[in-house]
Amino acid sequence: MTRKSTPSLGTLLFYAAAFLLSAYFTFAAVQGDFGLFRRVEIQAEAESLALDLDRLNQEIAGMENLTRRLSDDYLDLDLLDQQARSVLGLARADEIIID
């Protein structure tokens, strides 16, 4: 007679628990707080912030240039004239203003 051996309940529980633990850790490694998807999101956000930083640095450089051109040490008369016209709303006699 051949006797078929069926796995015991303890063996089945062990393999089920091992499978569930490995499935949980795999899921956490992919979609968890420190998983692969979150890492990709953080890298995309870092690239976006780097572009914003470059744009802001360019704006700061432009403002520093205008500030230097209106300083006492270096006075750009054309820029001073432009600023006076825009702030005071003045025009020269030979200019035509179109609204």
N, C-alpha and C. Protein backbone atom coordinates (compact mmCIF):
# COMPACT_ATOMS: atom_id res chain seq x y z
N MET A 1 0.80 -1.18 0.00
CA MET A 1 0.00 0.00 0.00
C MET A 1 0.85 1.26 0.00
N THR A 2 0.43 2.15 -0.84
CA THR A 2 1.10 3.45 -0.82
C THR A 2 0.27 4.41 0.00
N ARG A 3 0.96 5.13 0.71
CA ARG A 3 0.27 6.07 1.59
C ARG A 3 0.63 7.48 1.14
N LYS A 4 -0.39 8.31 0.87
CA LYS A 4 -0.14 9.70 0.50
C LYS A 4 0.01 10.52 1.77
N SER A 5 1.07 11.29 1.77
CA SER A 5 1.24 12.12 2.96
C SER A 5 0.72 13.52 2.65
N THR A 6 -0.11 14.00 3.49
CA THR A 6 -0.61 15.36 3.34
C THR A 6 0.19 16.26 4.25
N PRO A 7 0.45 17.47 3.79
CA PRO A 7 1.22 18.36 4.65
C PRO A 7 0.44 18.69 5.91
N SER A 8 1.17 18.84 6.97
CA SER A 8 0.52 19.12 8.24
C SER A 8 0.05 20.58 8.28
N LEU A 9 -0.81 20.87 9.20
CA LEU A 9 -1.36 22.22 9.34
C LEU A 9 -0.27 23.23 9.68
N GLY A 10 0.69 22.85 10.47
CA GLY A 10 1.80 23.75 10.83
C GLY A 10 2.62 24.13 9.62
N THR A 11 2.86 23.20 8.73
CA THR A 11 3.62 23.49 7.50
C THR A 11 2.85 24.46 6.62
N LEU A 12 1.56 24.23 6.48
CA LEU A 12 0.74 25.14 5.67
C LEU A 12 0.70 26.54 6.27
N LEU A 13 0.58 26.64 7.58
CA LEU A 13 0.58 27.95 8.23
C LEU A 13 1.93 28.65 8.06
N PHE A 14 3.01 27.89 8.15
CA PHE A 14 4.33 28.48 7.97
C PHE A 14 4.49 29.07 6.57
N TYR A 15 4.12 28.32 5.55
CA TYR A 15 4.25 28.81 4.17
C TYR A 15 3.29 29.97 3.90
N ALA A 16 2.11 29.93 4.46
CA ALA A 16 1.16 31.03 4.29
C ALA A 16 1.70 32.30 4.95
N ALA A 17 2.25 32.18 6.15
CA ALA A 17 2.81 33.34 6.84
C ALA A 17 4.02 33.88 6.08
N ALA A 18 4.86 33.01 5.57
CA ALA A 18 6.03 33.45 4.81
C ALA A 18 5.60 34.17 3.53
N PHE A 19 4.58 33.63 2.87
CA PHE A 19 4.09 34.28 1.65
C PHE A 19 3.49 35.65 1.95
N LEU A 20 2.69 35.75 3.00
CA LEU A 20 2.08 37.03 3.37
C LEU A 20 3.13 38.06 3.77
N LEU A 21 4.13 37.65 4.53
CA LEU A 21 5.20 38.58 4.91
C LEU A 21 5.99 39.06 3.70
N SER A 22 6.31 38.16 2.79
CA SER A 22 7.06 38.58 1.60
C SER A 22 6.20 39.48 0.71
N ALA A 23 4.89 39.22 0.61
CA ALA A 23 4.01 40.10 -0.17
C ALA A 23 3.92 41.48 0.47
N TYR A 24 3.83 41.53 1.81
CA TYR A 24 3.77 42.81 2.49
C TYR A 24 5.05 43.62 2.28
N PHE A 25 6.19 43.00 2.46
CA PHE A 25 7.45 43.73 2.32
C PHE A 25 7.69 44.15 0.87
N THR A 26 7.25 43.35 -0.08
CA THR A 26 7.37 43.75 -1.49
C THR A 26 6.49 44.96 -1.77
N PHE A 27 5.26 44.94 -1.28
CA PHE A 27 4.36 46.08 -1.45
C PHE A 27 4.94 47.33 -0.80
N ALA A 28 5.47 47.20 0.42
CA ALA A 28 6.04 48.35 1.12
C ALA A 28 7.27 48.89 0.39
N ALA A 29 8.06 48.01 -0.23
CA ALA A 29 9.25 48.47 -0.94
C ALA A 29 8.89 49.23 -2.21
N VAL A 30 7.74 48.94 -2.78
CA VAL A 30 7.34 49.61 -4.02
C VAL A 30 6.50 50.85 -3.73
N GLN A 31 5.50 50.75 -2.87
CA GLN A 31 4.56 51.85 -2.69
C GLN A 31 4.57 52.46 -1.30
N GLY A 32 5.45 52.08 -0.44
CA GLY A 32 5.48 52.61 0.92
C GLY A 32 6.02 54.04 0.96
N ASP A 33 6.12 54.57 2.17
CA ASP A 33 6.61 55.93 2.36
C ASP A 33 8.04 56.11 1.86
N PHE A 34 8.82 55.07 1.89
CA PHE A 34 10.20 55.13 1.41
C PHE A 34 10.40 54.21 0.21
N GLY A 35 9.33 53.93 -0.53
CA GLY A 35 9.38 53.00 -1.65
C GLY A 35 9.86 53.63 -2.93
N LEU A 36 9.84 52.84 -3.97
CA LEU A 36 10.35 53.29 -5.27
C LEU A 36 9.51 54.42 -5.87
N PHE A 37 8.18 54.32 -5.77
CA PHE A 37 7.33 55.37 -6.33
C PHE A 37 7.55 56.70 -5.62
N ARG A 38 7.69 56.67 -4.32
CA ARG A 38 7.94 57.90 -3.56
C ARG A 38 9.29 58.50 -3.94
N ARG A 39 10.27 57.65 -4.19
CA ARG A 39 11.59 58.14 -4.59
C ARG A 39 11.52 58.87 -5.93
N VAL A 40 10.76 58.33 -6.87
CA VAL A 40 10.60 58.97 -8.17
C VAL A 40 9.89 60.31 -8.01
N GLU A 41 8.87 60.38 -7.15
CA GLU A 41 8.17 61.64 -6.89
C GLU A 41 9.12 62.68 -6.30
N ILE A 42 9.96 62.26 -5.38
CA ILE A 42 10.90 63.20 -4.74
C ILE A 42 11.92 63.71 -5.76
N GLN A 43 12.40 62.84 -6.64
CA GLN A 43 13.36 63.28 -7.66
C GLN A 43 12.72 64.27 -8.63
N ALA A 44 11.47 64.03 -9.02
CA ALA A 44 10.78 64.96 -9.91
C ALA A 44 10.57 66.31 -9.23
N GLU A 45 10.22 66.28 -7.96
CA GLU A 45 10.03 67.52 -7.22
C GLU A 45 11.35 68.27 -7.07
N ALA A 46 12.43 67.55 -6.86
CA ALA A 46 13.75 68.18 -6.73
C ALA A 46 14.15 68.86 -8.03
N GLU A 47 13.88 68.22 -9.17
CA GLU A 47 14.19 68.84 -10.46
C GLU A 47 13.36 70.10 -10.69
N SER A 48 12.10 70.05 -10.32
CA SER A 48 11.23 71.21 -10.46
C SER A 48 11.72 72.36 -9.57
N LEU A 49 12.11 72.05 -8.35
CA LEU A 49 12.61 73.08 -7.44
C LEU A 49 13.95 73.64 -7.92
N ALA A 50 14.77 72.82 -8.55
CA ALA A 50 16.04 73.32 -9.09
C ALA A 50 15.78 74.31 -10.23
N LEU A 51 14.78 74.03 -11.07
CA LEU A 51 14.43 74.97 -12.14
C LEU A 51 13.90 76.27 -11.56
N ASP A 52 13.08 76.18 -10.51
CA ASP A 52 12.58 77.39 -9.84
C ASP A 52 13.73 78.20 -9.25
N LEU A 53 14.69 77.51 -8.66
CA LEU A 53 15.85 78.19 -8.08
C LEU A 53 16.65 78.93 -9.15
N ASP A 54 16.87 78.29 -10.30
CA ASP A 54 17.59 78.95 -11.39
C ASP A 54 16.84 80.20 -11.87
N ARG A 55 15.50 80.08 -12.00
CA ARG A 55 14.71 81.22 -12.45
C ARG A 55 14.79 82.36 -11.44
N LEU A 56 14.70 82.04 -10.16
CA LEU A 56 14.78 83.07 -9.12
C LEU A 56 16.17 83.70 -9.07
N ASN A 57 17.21 82.91 -9.28
CA ASN A 57 18.56 83.48 -9.31
C ASN A 57 18.73 84.45 -10.47
N GLN A 58 18.11 84.14 -11.61
CA GLN A 58 18.16 85.06 -12.75
C GLN A 58 17.41 86.35 -12.44
N GLU A 59 16.25 86.24 -11.78
CA GLU A 59 15.51 87.43 -11.40
C GLU A 59 16.32 88.28 -10.41
N ILE A 60 16.97 87.63 -9.46
CA ILE A 60 17.77 88.36 -8.49
C ILE A 60 18.93 89.08 -9.18
N ALA A 61 19.56 88.40 -10.13
CA ALA A 61 20.67 89.03 -10.86
C ALA A 61 20.17 90.24 -11.63
N GLY A 62 18.99 90.14 -12.23
CA GLY A 62 18.43 91.30 -12.94
C GLY A 62 18.13 92.46 -12.01
N MET A 63 17.57 92.16 -10.84
CA MET A 63 17.28 93.22 -9.87
C MET A 63 18.56 93.84 -9.33
N GLU A 64 19.57 93.01 -9.09
CA GLU A 64 20.85 93.55 -8.62
C GLU A 64 21.47 94.46 -9.67
N ASN A 65 21.32 94.10 -10.94
CA ASN A 65 21.84 94.92 -12.03
C ASN A 65 21.13 96.28 -12.05
N LEU A 66 19.79 96.27 -11.95
CA LEU A 66 19.05 97.53 -11.93
C LEU A 66 19.40 98.36 -10.71
N THR A 67 19.55 97.71 -9.57
CA THR A 67 19.91 98.44 -8.35
C THR A 67 21.30 99.06 -8.48
N ARG A 68 22.24 98.32 -9.04
CA ARG A 68 23.59 98.86 -9.23
C ARG A 68 23.58 100.04 -10.20
N ARG A 69 22.75 99.93 -11.24
CA ARG A 69 22.70 101.00 -12.24
C ARG A 69 22.06 102.27 -11.70
N LEU A 70 21.28 102.18 -10.63
CA LEU A 70 20.68 103.37 -10.01
C LEU A 70 21.41 103.81 -8.75
N SER A 71 22.54 103.20 -8.44
CA SER A 71 23.26 103.55 -7.22
C SER A 71 24.04 104.84 -7.41
N ASP A 72 24.56 105.36 -6.32
CA ASP A 72 25.34 106.61 -6.36
C ASP A 72 26.66 106.42 -7.09
N ASP A 73 27.24 105.23 -7.00
CA ASP A 73 28.54 104.99 -7.62
C ASP A 73 28.44 104.88 -9.14
N TYR A 74 27.35 104.37 -9.63
CA TYR A 74 27.19 104.15 -11.07
C TYR A 74 25.77 104.55 -11.43
N LEU A 75 25.61 105.66 -12.09
CA LEU A 75 24.28 106.16 -12.40
C LEU A 75 24.03 106.05 -13.90
N ASP A 76 23.05 105.27 -14.26
CA ASP A 76 22.65 105.11 -15.66
C ASP A 76 21.52 106.11 -15.91
N LEU A 77 21.81 107.15 -16.68
CA LEU A 77 20.85 108.21 -16.90
C LEU A 77 19.62 107.74 -17.67
N ASP A 78 19.81 106.82 -18.58
CA ASP A 78 18.66 106.29 -19.33
C ASP A 78 17.70 105.54 -18.41
N LEU A 79 18.25 104.75 -17.51
CA LEU A 79 17.41 104.02 -16.57
C LEU A 79 16.73 104.97 -15.60
N LEU A 80 17.46 105.99 -15.15
CA LEU A 80 16.88 106.99 -14.25
C LEU A 80 15.73 107.71 -14.95
N ASP A 81 15.92 108.07 -16.22
CA ASP A 81 14.87 108.73 -16.99
C ASP A 81 13.65 107.81 -17.13
N GLN A 82 13.88 106.55 -17.42
CA GLN A 82 12.78 105.58 -17.56
C GLN A 82 12.02 105.44 -16.26
N GLN A 83 12.71 105.33 -15.14
CA GLN A 83 12.05 105.18 -13.85
C GLN A 83 11.27 106.44 -13.47
N ALA A 84 11.83 107.60 -13.73
CA ALA A 84 11.13 108.85 -13.41
C ALA A 84 9.86 108.97 -14.25
N ARG A 85 9.92 108.59 -15.51
CA ARG A 85 8.73 108.67 -16.37
C ARG A 85 7.65 107.70 -15.91
N SER A 86 8.04 106.48 -15.54
CA SER A 86 7.04 105.49 -15.14
C SER A 86 6.42 105.84 -13.78
N VAL A 87 7.22 106.38 -12.85
CA VAL A 87 6.70 106.69 -11.52
C VAL A 87 5.91 108.00 -11.54
N LEU A 88 6.46 109.01 -12.18
CA LEU A 88 5.83 110.32 -12.16
C LEU A 88 4.85 110.54 -13.30
N GLY A 89 4.91 109.72 -14.31
CA GLY A 89 4.01 109.88 -15.45
C GLY A 89 4.37 111.09 -16.30
N LEU A 90 5.64 111.39 -16.40
CA LEU A 90 6.08 112.57 -17.15
C LEU A 90 6.43 112.20 -18.59
N ALA A 91 6.32 113.17 -19.47
CA ALA A 91 6.71 113.00 -20.86
C ALA A 91 7.39 114.27 -21.34
N ARG A 92 8.30 114.12 -22.28
CA ARG A 92 8.96 115.30 -22.84
C ARG A 92 8.03 115.97 -23.83
N ALA A 93 8.34 117.21 -24.18
CA ALA A 93 7.48 117.99 -25.06
C ALA A 93 7.44 117.41 -26.48
N ASP A 94 8.53 116.75 -26.90
CA ASP A 94 8.58 116.24 -28.27
C ASP A 94 8.07 114.80 -28.39
N GLU A 95 7.50 114.25 -27.33
CA GLU A 95 7.02 112.87 -27.35
C GLU A 95 5.50 112.84 -27.59
N ILE A 96 5.08 111.79 -28.26
CA ILE A 96 3.65 111.56 -28.48
C ILE A 96 3.25 110.35 -27.63
N ILE A 97 2.24 110.50 -26.82
CA ILE A 97 1.78 109.43 -25.94
C ILE A 97 0.55 108.78 -26.54
N ILE A 98 0.59 107.48 -26.72
CA ILE A 98 -0.53 106.73 -27.26
C ILE A 98 -1.04 105.80 -26.17
N ASP A 99 -2.31 105.90 -25.83
CA ASP A 99 -2.90 105.03 -24.79
C ASP A 99 -3.64 103.91 -25.41
